[in-house]
Structures are given as C-alpha cells and as structure tokens.
PDB file of N, CA and C in Angstrom:
ATOM      1  N   MET A   1       0.770  -1.224   0.059  1.00  0.00           N
ATOM      2  CA  MET A   1      -0.004  -0.007   0.046  1.00  0.00           C
ATOM      3  C   MET A   1       0.716   1.296   0.043  1.00  0.00           C
ATOM      4  N   ARG A   2       2.009   1.103   0.668  1.00  0.00           N
ATOM      5  CA  ARG A   2       2.863   2.409   0.651  1.00  0.00           C
ATOM      6  C   ARG A   2       3.415   2.735  -0.794  1.00  0.00           C
ATOM      7  N   GLU A   3       3.738   1.648  -1.504  1.00  0.00           N
ATOM      8  CA  GLU A   3       4.246   1.808  -2.855  1.00  0.00           C
ATOM      9  C   GLU A   3       3.056   2.564  -3.677  1.00  0.00           C
ATOM     10  N   LEU A   4       1.970   2.003  -3.516  1.00  0.00           N
ATOM     11  CA  LEU A   4       0.654   2.546  -4.241  1.00  0.00           C
ATOM     12  C   LEU A   4       0.447   3.861  -3.964  1.00  0.00           C
ATOM     13  N   LYS A   5       0.443   4.151  -2.533  1.00  0.00           N
ATOM     14  CA  LYS A   5       0.024   5.506  -2.155  1.00  0.00           C
ATOM     15  C   LYS A   5       1.198   6.414  -2.836  1.00  0.00           C
ATOM     16  N   ALA A   6       2.383   6.157  -2.943  1.00  0.00           N
ATOM     17  CA  ALA A   6       3.364   7.117  -3.434  1.00  0.00           C
ATOM     18  C   ALA A   6       3.086   7.434  -4.934  1.00  0.00           C
ATOM     19  N   ARG A   7       2.220   6.551  -5.617  1.00  0.00           N
ATOM     20  CA  ARG A   7       1.876   6.798  -6.969  1.00  0.00           C
ATOM     21  C   ARG A   7       0.523   7.513  -7.271  1.00  0.00           C
ATOM     22  N   THR A   8      -0.309   7.164  -6.379  1.00  0.00           N
ATOM     23  CA  THR A   8      -1.760   7.572  -6.757  1.00  0.00           C
ATOM     24  C   THR A   8      -2.591   7.689  -5.352  1.00  0.00           C
ATOM     25  N   PRO A   9      -3.602   8.466  -5.427  1.00  0.00           N
ATOM     26  CA  PRO A   9      -4.517   8.620  -4.129  1.00  0.00           C
ATOM     27  C   PRO A   9      -5.175   7.378  -3.859  1.00  0.00           C
ATOM     28  N   VAL A  10      -5.443   6.865  -2.622  1.00  0.00           N
ATOM     29  CA  VAL A  10      -5.978   5.567  -2.179  1.00  0.00           C
ATOM     30  C   VAL A  10      -7.004   5.980  -1.234  1.00  0.00           C
ATOM     31  N   ALA A  11      -8.180   5.168  -1.318  1.00  0.00           N
ATOM     32  CA  ALA A  11      -9.303   5.301  -0.541  1.00  0.00           C
ATOM     33  C   ALA A  11      -9.664   3.938   0.078  1.00  0.00           C
ATOM     34  N   VAL A  12     -10.530   3.853   1.294  1.00  0.00           N
ATOM     35  CA  VAL A  12     -11.006   2.763   1.644  1.00  0.00           C
ATOM     36  C   VAL A  12     -12.591   2.915   1.448  1.00  0.00           C
ATOM     37  N   ALA A  13     -13.159   1.767   1.073  1.00  0.00           N
ATOM     38  CA  ALA A  13     -14.787   1.775   0.803  1.00  0.00           C
ATOM     39  C   ALA A  13     -15.226   0.607   1.391  1.00  0.00           C
ATOM     40  N   SER A  14     -15.914   0.783   2.587  1.00  0.00           N
ATOM     41  CA  SER A  14     -16.141  -0.430   3.330  1.00  0.00           C
ATOM     42  C   SER A  14     -17.605  -0.385   3.967  1.00  0.00           C
ATOM     43  N   ASN A  15     -18.065  -1.671   4.097  1.00  0.00           N
ATOM     44  CA  ASN A  15     -19.509  -1.835   4.694  1.00  0.00           C
ATOM     45  C   ASN A  15     -19.439  -1.730   6.201  1.00  0.00           C
ATOM     46  N   THR A  16     -18.291  -1.768   6.706  1.00  0.00           N
ATOM     47  CA  THR A  16     -18.102  -1.828   8.143  1.00  0.00           C
ATOM     48  C   THR A  16     -18.433  -0.274   8.743  1.00  0.00           C
ATOM     49  N   PRO A  17     -18.993  -0.247   9.838  1.00  0.00           N
ATOM     50  CA  PRO A  17     -19.193   1.141  10.403  1.00  0.00           C
ATOM     51  C   PRO A  17     -17.939   2.022  10.517  1.00  0.00           C
ATOM     52  N   GLY A  18     -17.967   3.266  10.279  1.00  0.00           N
ATOM     53  CA  GLY A  18     -16.760   4.196  10.188  1.00  0.00           C
ATOM     54  C   GLY A  18     -15.956   4.146  11.435  1.00  0.00           C
ATOM     55  N   ARG A  19     -16.519   4.053  12.531  1.00  0.00           N
ATOM     56  CA  ARG A  19     -15.642   4.167  13.737  1.00  0.00           C
ATOM     57  C   ARG A  19     -14.850   3.003  13.901  1.00  0.00           C
ATOM     58  N   LEU A  20     -15.294   1.735  13.574  1.00  0.00           N
ATOM     59  CA  LEU A  20     -14.604   0.536  13.460  1.00  0.00           C
ATOM     60  C   LEU A  20     -13.597   0.563  12.418  1.00  0.00           C
ATOM     61  N   VAL A  21     -13.851   1.007  11.174  1.00  0.00           N
ATOM     62  CA  VAL A  21     -12.734   1.056  10.137  1.00  0.00           C
ATOM     63  C   VAL A  21     -11.745   1.974  10.530  1.00  0.00           C
ATOM     64  N   ARG A  22     -12.065   3.207  10.991  1.00  0.00           N
ATOM     65  CA  ARG A  22     -11.011   4.244  11.415  1.00  0.00           C
ATOM     66  C   ARG A  22     -10.191   3.730  12.539  1.00  0.00           C
ATOM     67  N   GLY A  23     -10.862   2.897  13.434  1.00  0.00           N
ATOM     68  CA  GLY A  23     -10.123   2.527  14.566  1.00  0.00           C
ATOM     69  C   GLY A  23      -9.095   1.447  14.264  1.00  0.00           C
ATOM     70  N   ALA A  24      -9.547   0.495  13.380  1.00  0.00           N
ATOM     71  CA  ALA A  24      -8.886  -0.662  12.843  1.00  0.00           C
ATOM     72  C   ALA A  24      -7.573   0.033  12.012  1.00  0.00           C
ATOM     73  N   LEU A  25      -7.818   0.987  11.191  1.00  0.00           N
ATOM     74  CA  LEU A  25      -6.678   1.401  10.318  1.00  0.00           C
ATOM     75  C   LEU A  25      -5.673   2.198  11.517  1.00  0.00           C
ATOM     76  N   ALA A  26      -6.101   2.927  12.356  1.00  0.00           N
ATOM     77  CA  ALA A  26      -5.112   3.434  13.215  1.00  0.00           C
ATOM     78  C   ALA A  26      -4.529   2.449  14.107  1.00  0.00           C
ATOM     79  N   CYS A  27      -5.077   1.430  14.540  1.00  0.00           N
ATOM     80  CA  CYS A  27      -4.454   0.284  15.441  1.00  0.00           C
ATOM     81  C   CYS A  27      -3.297  -0.435  14.564  1.00  0.00           C
ATOM     82  N   ALA A  28      -3.685  -0.488  13.242  1.00  0.00           N
ATOM     83  CA  ALA A  28      -2.769  -1.224  12.371  1.00  0.00           C
ATOM     84  C   ALA A  28      -1.692  -0.335  11.923  1.00  0.00           C
ATOM     85  N   GLY A  29      -1.790   1.006  12.205  1.00  0.00           N
ATOM     86  CA  GLY A  29      -0.710   2.006  11.813  1.00  0.00           C
ATOM     87  C   GLY A  29      -0.650   2.385  10.388  1.00  0.00           C
ATOM     88  N   VAL A  30      -1.751   2.191   9.682  1.00  0.00           N
ATOM     89  CA  VAL A  30      -1.826   2.481   8.274  1.00  0.00           C
ATOM     90  C   VAL A  30      -2.928   3.585   7.984  1.00  0.00           C
ATOM     91  N   ALA A  31      -3.453   4.270   8.890  1.00  0.00           N
ATOM     92  CA  ALA A  31      -4.383   5.246   8.616  1.00  0.00           C
ATOM     93  C   ALA A  31      -3.892   6.383   7.571  1.00  0.00           C
ATOM     94  N   GLU A  32      -2.669   6.658   7.694  1.00  0.00           N
ATOM     95  CA  GLU A  32      -2.169   7.646   6.893  1.00  0.00           C
ATOM     96  C   GLU A  32      -1.919   7.310   5.530  1.00  0.00           C
ATOM     97  N   LEU A  33      -2.246   6.041   5.029  1.00  0.00           N
ATOM     98  CA  LEU A  33      -2.079   5.573   3.691  1.00  0.00           C
ATOM     99  C   LEU A  33      -3.275   5.908   2.815  1.00  0.00           C
ATOM    100  N   PHE A  34      -4.439   6.328   3.463  1.00  0.00           N
ATOM    101  CA  PHE A  34      -5.657   6.549   2.752  1.00  0.00           C
ATOM    102  C   PHE A  34      -6.144   7.960   2.931  1.00  0.00           C
ATOM    103  N   GLU A  35      -6.165   8.682   1.730  1.00  0.00           N
ATOM    104  CA  GLU A  35      -6.661  10.001   1.810  1.00  0.00           C
ATOM    105  C   GLU A  35      -8.159  10.136   2.224  1.00  0.00           C
ATOM    106  N   ILE A  36      -8.860   9.077   1.894  1.00  0.00           N
ATOM    107  CA  ILE A  36     -10.504   9.133   1.931  1.00  0.00           C
ATOM    108  C   ILE A  36     -10.831   7.791   2.607  1.00  0.00           C
ATOM    109  N   VAL A  37     -11.826   7.813   3.607  1.00  0.00           N
ATOM    110  CA  VAL A  37     -12.389   6.585   4.112  1.00  0.00           C
ATOM    111  C   VAL A  37     -13.898   6.972   4.025  1.00  0.00           C
ATOM    112  N   VAL A  38     -14.556   5.857   3.292  1.00  0.00           N
ATOM    113  CA  VAL A  38     -16.040   6.048   3.052  1.00  0.00           C
ATOM    114  C   VAL A  38     -16.599   4.905   3.525  1.00  0.00           C
ATOM    115  N   THR A  39     -17.750   4.751   4.493  1.00  0.00           N
ATOM    116  CA  THR A  39     -18.233   3.677   5.115  1.00  0.00           C
ATOM    117  C   THR A  39     -19.753   3.650   4.936  1.00  0.00           C
ATOM    118  N   ALA A  40     -20.321   2.504   4.993  1.00  0.00           N
ATOM    119  CA  ALA A  40     -21.572   2.324   4.533  1.00  0.00           C
ATOM    120  C   ALA A  40     -22.647   3.117   5.406  1.00  0.00           C
ATOM    121  N   ASP A  41     -22.107   3.466   6.576  1.00  0.00           N
ATOM    122  CA  ASP A  41     -22.996   4.502   7.487  1.00  0.00           C
ATOM    123  C   ASP A  41     -23.038   5.869   6.954  1.00  0.00           C
ATOM    124  N   GLU A  42     -22.165   6.298   5.922  1.00  0.00           N
ATOM    125  CA  GLU A  42     -22.113   7.485   5.342  1.00  0.00           C
ATOM    126  C   GLU A  42     -22.684   7.795   3.983  1.00  0.00           C
ATOM    127  N   VAL A  43     -23.463   6.612   3.516  1.00  0.00           N
ATOM    128  CA  VAL A  43     -24.066   6.654   2.155  1.00  0.00           C
ATOM    129  C   VAL A  43     -25.475   6.078   2.242  1.00  0.00           C
ATOM    130  N   ALA A  44     -26.281   6.301   1.288  1.00  0.00           N
ATOM    131  CA  ALA A  44     -27.589   5.856   1.215  1.00  0.00           C
ATOM    132  C   ALA A  44     -27.871   4.291   1.416  1.00  0.00           C
ATOM    133  N   GLU A  45     -26.952   3.532   0.598  1.00  0.00           N
ATOM    134  CA  GLU A  45     -27.080   2.057   0.575  1.00  0.00           C
ATOM    135  C   GLU A  45     -25.797   1.435   0.673  1.00  0.00           C
ATOM    136  N   PRO A  46     -25.820   0.371   1.403  1.00  0.00           N
ATOM    137  CA  PRO A  46     -24.402  -0.384   1.599  1.00  0.00           C
ATOM    138  C   PRO A  46     -24.174  -1.220   0.505  1.00  0.00           C
ATOM    139  N   LYS A  47     -23.058  -1.930   0.373  1.00  0.00           N
ATOM    140  CA  LYS A  47     -22.717  -2.795  -0.601  1.00  0.00           C
ATOM    141  C   LYS A  47     -23.690  -3.965  -0.594  1.00  0.00           C
ATOM    142  N   PRO A  48     -24.248  -4.395  -1.709  1.00  0.00           N
ATOM    143  CA  PRO A  48     -23.740  -4.390  -3.022  1.00  0.00           C
ATOM    144  C   PRO A  48     -24.002  -3.279  -3.734  1.00  0.00           C
ATOM    145  N   SER A  49     -24.731  -2.280  -3.174  1.00  0.00           N
ATOM    146  CA  SER A  49     -24.894  -0.982  -3.832  1.00  0.00           C
ATOM    147  C   SER A  49     -23.494  -0.330  -4.128  1.00  0.00           C
ATOM    148  N   PRO A  50     -23.354   0.353  -5.296  1.00  0.00           N
ATOM    149  CA  PRO A  50     -22.100   0.928  -5.552  1.00  0.00           C
ATOM    150  C   PRO A  50     -21.920   2.200  -4.779  1.00  0.00           C
ATOM    151  N   ASP A  51     -22.611   2.705  -3.671  1.00  0.00           N
ATOM    152  CA  ASP A  51     -22.653   3.807  -3.206  1.00  0.00           C
ATOM    153  C   ASP A  51     -21.292   4.209  -2.602  1.00  0.00           C
ATOM    154  N   VAL A  52     -20.705   3.353  -1.680  1.00  0.00           N
ATOM    155  CA  VAL A  52     -19.520   3.752  -1.152  1.00  0.00           C
ATOM    156  C   VAL A  52     -18.203   3.899  -2.192  1.00  0.00           C
ATOM    157  N   TYR A  53     -18.224   3.109  -3.213  1.00  0.00           N
ATOM    158  CA  TYR A  53     -17.238   3.186  -4.260  1.00  0.00           C
ATOM    159  C   TYR A  53     -17.451   4.572  -5.017  1.00  0.00           C
ATOM    160  N   LEU A  54     -18.697   4.809  -5.309  1.00  0.00           N
ATOM    161  CA  LEU A  54     -18.938   6.171  -6.096  1.00  0.00           C
ATOM    162  C   LEU A  54     -18.674   7.339  -5.138  1.00  0.00           C
ATOM    163  N   ARG A  55     -19.029   7.314  -3.929  1.00  0.00           N
ATOM    164  CA  ARG A  55     -18.608   8.485  -3.153  1.00  0.00           C
ATOM    165  C   ARG A  55     -17.076   8.555  -2.817  1.00  0.00           C
ATOM    166  N   ALA A  56     -16.455   7.495  -2.796  1.00  0.00           N
ATOM    167  CA  ALA A  56     -14.766   7.561  -2.596  1.00  0.00           C
ATOM    168  C   ALA A  56     -14.247   8.183  -3.852  1.00  0.00           C
ATOM    169  N   CYS A  57     -14.719   7.658  -5.078  1.00  0.00           N
ATOM    170  CA  CYS A  57     -14.187   8.278  -6.252  1.00  0.00           C
ATOM    171  C   CYS A  57     -14.507   9.647  -6.284  1.00  0.00           C
ATOM    172  N   GLU A  58     -15.679  10.106  -5.979  1.00  0.00           N
ATOM    173  CA  GLU A  58     -16.237  11.489  -6.040  1.00  0.00           C
ATOM    174  C   GLU A  58     -15.167  12.313  -5.105  1.00  0.00           C
ATOM    175  N   LEU A  59     -14.945  11.937  -3.843  1.00  0.00           N
ATOM    176  CA  LEU A  59     -13.992  12.663  -3.102  1.00  0.00           C
ATOM    177  C   LEU A  59     -12.674  12.629  -3.364  1.00  0.00           C
ATOM    178  N   LEU A  60     -12.110  11.607  -4.134  1.00  0.00           N
ATOM    179  CA  LEU A  60     -10.753  11.638  -4.736  1.00  0.00           C
ATOM    180  C   LEU A  60     -10.695  12.477  -6.165  1.00  0.00           C
ATOM    181  N   GLY A  61     -11.837  12.671  -6.661  1.00  0.00           N
ATOM    182  CA  GLY A  61     -11.800  13.436  -7.821  1.00  0.00           C
ATOM    183  C   GLY A  61     -11.525  12.418  -8.947  1.00  0.00           C
ATOM    184  N   ALA A  62     -11.774  11.156  -8.817  1.00  0.00           N
ATOM    185  CA  ALA A  62     -11.301  10.124  -9.824  1.00  0.00           C
ATOM    186  C   ALA A  62     -12.543   9.432 -10.533  1.00  0.00           C
ATOM    187  N   ALA A  63     -12.471   9.263 -11.705  1.00  0.00           N
ATOM    188  CA  ALA A  63     -13.495   8.631 -12.416  1.00  0.00           C
ATOM    189  C   ALA A  63     -13.568   7.120 -12.170  1.00  0.00           C
ATOM    190  N   PRO A  64     -14.784   6.622 -11.840  1.00  0.00           N
ATOM    191  CA  PRO A  64     -14.807   5.088 -11.527  1.00  0.00           C
ATOM    192  C   PRO A  64     -14.157   4.318 -12.660  1.00  0.00           C
ATOM    193  N   ALA A  65     -14.465   4.631 -13.904  1.00  0.00           N
ATOM    194  CA  ALA A  65     -14.084   3.872 -15.046  1.00  0.00           C
ATOM    195  C   ALA A  65     -12.575   4.002 -15.182  1.00  0.00           C
ATOM    196  N   LYS A  66     -11.904   4.750 -14.386  1.00  0.00           N
ATOM    197  CA  LYS A  66     -10.557   4.790 -14.407  1.00  0.00           C
ATOM    198  C   LYS A  66      -9.739   4.503 -13.151  1.00  0.00           C
ATOM    199  N   SER A  67     -10.591   3.782 -12.283  1.00  0.00           N
ATOM    200  CA  SER A  67     -10.125   3.418 -10.989  1.00  0.00           C
ATOM    201  C   SER A  67     -10.203   1.914 -10.822  1.00  0.00           C
ATOM    202  N   ILE A  68      -9.500   1.504  -9.617  1.00  0.00           N
ATOM    203  CA  ILE A  68      -9.367   0.193  -9.472  1.00  0.00           C
ATOM    204  C   ILE A  68      -9.904  -0.137  -8.078  1.00  0.00           C
ATOM    205  N   ALA A  69     -10.648  -1.197  -7.731  1.00  0.00           N
ATOM    206  CA  ALA A  69     -10.971  -1.617  -6.536  1.00  0.00           C
ATOM    207  C   ALA A  69     -10.428  -2.916  -6.203  1.00  0.00           C
ATOM    208  N   LEU A  70      -9.855  -2.979  -4.955  1.00  0.00           N
ATOM    209  CA  LEU A  70      -9.248  -4.258  -4.377  1.00  0.00           C
ATOM    210  C   LEU A  70     -10.374  -4.950  -3.491  1.00  0.00           C
ATOM    211  N   GLU A  71     -10.868  -5.924  -3.691  1.00  0.00           N
ATOM    212  CA  GLU A  71     -11.942  -6.490  -2.872  1.00  0.00           C
ATOM    213  C   GLU A  71     -11.768  -7.791  -2.344  1.00  0.00           C
ATOM    214  N   ASP A  72     -12.224  -8.339  -1.256  1.00  0.00           N
ATOM    215  CA  ASP A  72     -12.040  -9.574  -0.768  1.00  0.00           C
ATOM    216  C   ASP A  72     -13.476 -10.308  -0.505  1.00  0.00           C
ATOM    217  N   SER A  73     -14.589  -9.817  -1.066  1.00  0.00           N
ATOM    218  CA  SER A  73     -15.807 -10.547  -0.831  1.00  0.00           C
ATOM    219  C   SER A  73     -16.683 -10.352  -2.146  1.00  0.00           C
ATOM    220  N   PRO A  74     -17.531 -11.386  -2.366  1.00  0.00           N
ATOM    221  CA  PRO A  74     -18.484 -11.259  -3.454  1.00  0.00           C
ATOM    222  C   PRO A  74     -19.194  -9.963  -3.341  1.00  0.00           C
ATOM    223  N   THR A  75     -19.784  -9.640  -2.428  1.00  0.00           N
ATOM    224  CA  THR A  75     -20.575  -8.481  -2.084  1.00  0.00           C
ATOM    225  C   THR A  75     -19.926  -7.170  -2.632  1.00  0.00           C
ATOM    226  N   GLY A  76     -18.601  -7.104  -2.170  1.00  0.00           N
ATOM    227  CA  GLY A  76     -17.743  -5.884  -2.482  1.00  0.00           C
ATOM    228  C   GLY A  76     -17.402  -6.025  -4.021  1.00  0.00           C
ATOM    229  N   VAL A  77     -17.185  -7.101  -4.570  1.00  0.00           N
ATOM    230  CA  VAL A  77     -16.939  -7.183  -5.977  1.00  0.00           C
ATOM    231  C   VAL A  77     -18.098  -6.814  -6.762  1.00  0.00           C
ATOM    232  N   ALA A  78     -19.406  -7.098  -6.188  1.00  0.00           N
ATOM    233  CA  ALA A  78     -20.701  -6.715  -6.998  1.00  0.00           C
ATOM    234  C   ALA A  78     -20.747  -5.161  -6.835  1.00  0.00           C
ATOM    235  N   ALA A  79     -20.474  -4.592  -5.821  1.00  0.00           N
ATOM    236  CA  ALA A  79     -20.436  -3.202  -5.678  1.00  0.00           C
ATOM    237  C   ALA A  79     -19.471  -2.387  -6.608  1.00  0.00           C
ATOM    238  N   ALA A  80     -18.268  -2.839  -6.497  1.00  0.00           N
ATOM    239  CA  ALA A  80     -17.234  -2.285  -7.448  1.00  0.00           C
ATOM    240  C   ALA A  80     -17.554  -2.372  -8.846  1.00  0.00           C
ATOM    241  N   ARG A  81     -17.940  -3.464  -9.302  1.00  0.00           N
ATOM    242  CA  ARG A  81     -18.580  -3.665 -10.683  1.00  0.00           C
ATOM    243  C   ARG A  81     -19.625  -2.778 -10.985  1.00  0.00           C
ATOM    244  N   ALA A  82     -20.523  -2.700 -10.020  1.00  0.00           N
ATOM    245  CA  ALA A  82     -21.791  -1.771 -10.140  1.00  0.00           C
ATOM    246  C   ALA A  82     -21.336  -0.277 -10.493  1.00  0.00           C
ATOM    247  N   ALA A  83     -20.220  -0.024  -9.767  1.00  0.00           N
ATOM    248  CA  ALA A  83     -19.751   1.346  -9.777  1.00  0.00           C
ATOM    249  C   ALA A  83     -18.955   1.681 -11.171  1.00  0.00           C
ATOM    250  N   GLY A  84     -18.710   0.476 -11.878  1.00  0.00           N
ATOM    251  CA  GLY A  84     -17.930   0.637 -13.173  1.00  0.00           C
ATOM    252  C   GLY A  84     -16.473   0.583 -13.068  1.00  0.00           C
ATOM    253  N   MET A  85     -15.974   0.134 -11.968  1.00  0.00           N
ATOM    254  CA  MET A  85     -14.565   0.104 -11.544  1.00  0.00           C
ATOM    255  C   MET A  85     -13.845  -1.424 -12.153  1.00  0.00           C
ATOM    256  N   PHE A  86     -12.560  -1.209 -12.493  1.00  0.00           N
ATOM    257  CA  PHE A  86     -12.002  -2.531 -12.649  1.00  0.00           C
ATOM    258  C   PHE A  86     -11.711  -3.137 -11.203  1.00  0.00           C
ATOM    259  N   VAL A  87     -12.112  -4.527 -11.117  1.00  0.00           N
ATOM    260  CA  VAL A  87     -12.146  -4.934  -9.846  1.00  0.00           C
ATOM    261  C   VAL A  87     -10.983  -6.242  -9.818  1.00  0.00           C
ATOM    262  N   ILE A  88     -10.142  -5.997  -8.697  1.00  0.00           N
ATOM    263  CA  ILE A  88      -9.153  -7.137  -8.439  1.00  0.00           C
ATOM    264  C   ILE A  88      -9.769  -7.787  -7.196  1.00  0.00           C
ATOM    265  N   GLY A  89      -9.882  -9.164  -7.250  1.00  0.00           N
ATOM    266  CA  GLY A  89     -10.296  -9.910  -6.023  1.00  0.00           C
ATOM    267  C   GLY A  89      -9.060 -10.515  -5.389  1.00  0.00           C
ATOM    268  N   ILE A  90      -8.987 -10.260  -3.983  1.00  0.00           N
ATOM    269  CA  ILE A  90      -8.200 -11.012  -3.312  1.00  0.00           C
ATOM    270  C   ILE A  90      -8.793 -11.637  -2.097  1.00  0.00           C
ATOM    271  N   PRO A  91      -9.053 -13.016  -2.293  1.00  0.00           N
ATOM    272  CA  PRO A  91     -10.071 -13.634  -1.252  1.00  0.00           C
ATOM    273  C   PRO A  91      -9.381 -13.586   0.137  1.00  0.00           C
ATOM    274  N   SER A  92     -10.296 -13.325   1.031  1.00  0.00           N
ATOM    275  CA  SER A  92      -9.817 -13.160   2.613  1.00  0.00           C
ATOM    276  C   SER A  92      -9.750 -14.425   3.201  1.00  0.00           C
ATOM    277  N   PHE A  93     -10.464 -15.531   2.724  1.00  0.00           N
ATOM    278  CA  PHE A  93     -10.374 -16.783   3.411  1.00  0.00           C
ATOM    279  C   PHE A  93     -10.492 -17.894   2.233  1.00  0.00           C
ATOM    280  N   PRO A  94      -9.898 -18.991   2.667  1.00  0.00           N
ATOM    281  CA  PRO A  94      -9.868 -20.087   1.614  1.00  0.00           C
ATOM    282  C   PRO A  94     -11.198 -20.274   1.366  1.00  0.00           C
ATOM    283  N   GLY A  95     -11.590 -20.588   0.144  1.00  0.00           N
ATOM    284  CA  GLY A  95     -12.798 -21.124  -0.351  1.00  0.00           C
ATOM    285  C   GLY A  95     -13.688 -19.899  -0.868  1.00  0.00           C
ATOM    286  N   VAL A  96     -13.246 -18.705  -0.559  1.00  0.00           N
ATOM    287  CA  VAL A  96     -14.165 -17.459  -1.134  1.00  0.00           C
ATOM    288  C   VAL A  96     -13.842 -17.377  -2.540  1.00  0.00           C
ATOM    289  N   THR A  97     -14.930 -17.355  -3.365  1.00  0.00           N
ATOM    290  CA  THR A  97     -14.676 -17.283  -4.863  1.00  0.00           C
ATOM    291  C   THR A  97     -15.104 -15.892  -5.197  1.00  0.00           C
ATOM    292  N   LEU A  98     -14.318 -15.350  -6.043  1.00  0.00           N
ATOM    293  CA  LEU A  98     -14.630 -13.927  -6.410  1.00  0.00           C
ATOM    294  C   LEU A  98     -14.550 -13.983  -8.117  1.00  0.00           C
ATOM    295  N   ASP A  99     -15.194 -14.980  -8.645  1.00  0.00           N
ATOM    296  CA  ASP A  99     -15.289 -14.964 -10.074  1.00  0.00           C
ATOM    297  C   ASP A  99     -15.712 -13.907 -10.783  1.00  0.00           C
ATOM    298  N   ASP A 100     -16.391 -13.037 -10.350  1.00  0.00           N
ATOM    299  CA  ASP A 100     -16.931 -11.687 -11.085  1.00  0.00           C
ATOM    300  C   ASP A 100     -15.956 -10.749 -11.081  1.00  0.00           C
ATOM    301  N   ALA A 101     -14.954 -10.793 -10.473  1.00  0.00           N
ATOM    302  CA  ALA A 101     -13.778  -9.765 -10.436  1.00  0.00           C
ATOM    303  C   ALA A 101     -13.082 -10.025 -11.751  1.00  0.00           C
ATOM    304  N   ASP A 102     -12.527  -8.644 -12.232  1.00  0.00           N
ATOM    305  CA  ASP A 102     -11.779  -8.817 -13.550  1.00  0.00           C
ATOM    306  C   ASP A 102     -10.557  -9.594 -13.491  1.00  0.00           C
ATOM    307  N   LEU A 103      -9.925  -9.672 -12.232  1.00  0.00           N
ATOM    308  CA  LEU A 103      -8.707 -10.307 -12.019  1.00  0.00           C
ATOM    309  C   LEU A 103      -8.853 -10.836 -10.494  1.00  0.00           C
ATOM    310  N   VAL A 104      -8.460 -12.075 -10.445  1.00  0.00           N
ATOM    311  CA  VAL A 104      -8.336 -12.656  -8.993  1.00  0.00           C
ATOM    312  C   VAL A 104      -6.902 -13.044  -8.775  1.00  0.00           C
ATOM    313  N   GLY A 105      -6.234 -12.536  -7.627  1.00  0.00           N
ATOM    314  CA  GLY A 105      -5.031 -12.750  -7.335  1.00  0.00           C
ATOM    315  C   GLY A 105      -4.933 -13.463  -5.806  1.00  0.00           C
ATOM    316  N   ALA A 106      -3.847 -14.249  -5.484  1.00  0.00           N
ATOM    317  CA  ALA A 106      -3.684 -14.925  -4.268  1.00  0.00           C
ATOM    318  C   ALA A 106      -3.589 -13.922  -3.295  1.00  0.00           C
ATOM    319  N   SER A 107      -2.828 -12.845  -3.435  1.00  0.00           N
ATOM    320  CA  SER A 107      -2.618 -11.825  -2.417  1.00  0.00           C
ATOM    321  C   SER A 107      -2.186 -10.594  -3.071  1.00  0.00           C
ATOM    322  N   LEU A 108      -1.949  -9.586  -2.351  1.00  0.00           N
ATOM    323  CA  LEU A 108      -1.468  -8.265  -2.735  1.00  0.00           C
ATOM    324  C   LEU A 108      -0.091  -8.251  -3.316  1.00  0.00           C
ATOM    325  N   THR A 109       0.662  -9.317  -3.074  1.00  0.00           N
ATOM    326  CA  THR A 109       2.088  -9.459  -3.565  1.00  0.00           C
ATOM    327  C   THR A 109       1.956 -10.245  -5.031  1.00  0.00           C
ATOM    328  N   ASP A 110       0.856 -10.668  -5.347  1.00  0.00           N
ATOM    329  CA  ASP A 110       0.656 -11.480  -6.596  1.00  0.00           C
ATOM    330  C   ASP A 110       1.363 -10.584  -7.875  1.00  0.00           C
ATOM    331  N   PRO A 111       2.253 -11.111  -8.601  1.00  0.00           N
ATOM    332  CA  PRO A 111       2.741 -10.232  -9.775  1.00  0.00           C
ATOM    333  C   PRO A 111       1.717  -9.688 -10.599  1.00  0.00           C
ATOM    334  N   ARG A 112       0.672 -10.520 -10.879  1.00  0.00           N
ATOM    335  CA  ARG A 112      -0.439  -9.851 -11.683  1.00  0.00           C
ATOM    336  C   ARG A 112      -1.237  -8.655 -10.981  1.00  0.00           C
ATOM    337  N   VAL A 113      -1.417  -8.727  -9.830  1.00  0.00           N
ATOM    338  CA  VAL A 113      -2.071  -7.617  -8.998  1.00  0.00           C
ATOM    339  C   VAL A 113      -1.080  -6.557  -9.059  1.00  0.00           C
ATOM    340  N   ARG A 114       0.242  -6.613  -8.823  1.00  0.00           N
ATOM    341  CA  ARG A 114       1.005  -5.543  -8.856  1.00  0.00           C
ATOM    342  C   ARG A 114       1.059  -4.905 -10.120  1.00  0.00           C
ATOM    343  N   ALA A 115       1.117  -5.613 -11.274  1.00  0.00           N
ATOM    344  CA  ALA A 115       1.230  -5.193 -12.611  1.00  0.00           C
ATOM    345  C   ALA A 115      -0.038  -4.413 -12.857  1.00  0.00           C
ATOM    346  N   ALA A 116      -1.261  -4.945 -12.470  1.00  0.00           N
ATOM    347  CA  ALA A 116      -2.577  -4.176 -12.764  1.00  0.00           C
ATOM    348  C   ALA A 116      -2.650  -2.948 -12.066  1.00  0.00           C
ATOM    349  N   VAL A 117      -2.109  -2.784 -10.811  1.00  0.00           N
ATOM    350  CA  VAL A 117      -2.134  -1.399 -10.236  1.00  0.00           C
ATOM    351  C   VAL A 117      -0.959  -0.477 -10.500  1.00  0.00           C
ATOM    352  N   GLY A 118      -0.148  -1.063 -11.527  1.00  0.00           N
ATOM    353  CA  GLY A 118       1.031  -0.258 -12.073  1.00  0.00           C
ATOM    354  C   GLY A 118       2.207  -0.239 -11.168  1.00  0.00           C
ATOM    355  N   LEU A 119       2.515  -1.343 -10.416  1.00  0.00           N
ATOM    356  CA  LEU A 119       3.676  -1.468  -9.587  1.00  0.00           C
ATOM    357  C   LEU A 119       4.597  -2.553 -10.220  1.00  0.00           C
TER     358      LEU A 119
END
C-alpha cells in the first residue's frame, strides 16, 4: 500500500461502520495511507450498492471507470462492478470465490495484481 500511495491517491470503501474502520486503520498503523475513508453508514445504501465506491471516487476526484477496486468478498466485487470500476479480487479466506472480479490474485504481492495497479 505504501508503494501504491506514492503513485496515486488511495481510499477505503467499506461496509463496516466508520468508527470501527478508522479504529482498525489507526491500530494497524496504516491510517495515513488513505486520503479518504467512506463507510456504509455515510451513504444511502451499503454494498452491493455501488454507493461507497462512487462516493470515494467523487471525493478523490477520480472517474470510477479509471479506478481500481481491491476486494475480498463477493458483495464488494458486485459493488465495485456496479460502480464501473476494474475489480481485483483478493480472497480473504480459503474457499471464497470472486469469479466476477476482472482479476483474482492470491495476495497483494501476486505479480499480476502488482502489474494491474501499476507497480
């Protein structure tokens, strides 16, 4: 994420309540890596609606069609696709299938994922 942040603005778009997301990012010591955090409690509809992604793109000044979503759940993949984004699926648990993603990688270090995000 640090490499990516050095090249482009990065946001979090989550279905988890904002206070929990912001707390988790702070505890993990990565809150500074994200310019924007948008959560389901800040938009009209949660994922699989595209609302969190559309709002994050709006706040970043980024066109969804030129943006990439990294997702770990089928619901998140559906939301990002509905927003018109290129979707990279990274399963968070064994057995999770993200077949509707444009690209599925084993982890963020997968060479195909790194290439897709320009690293």
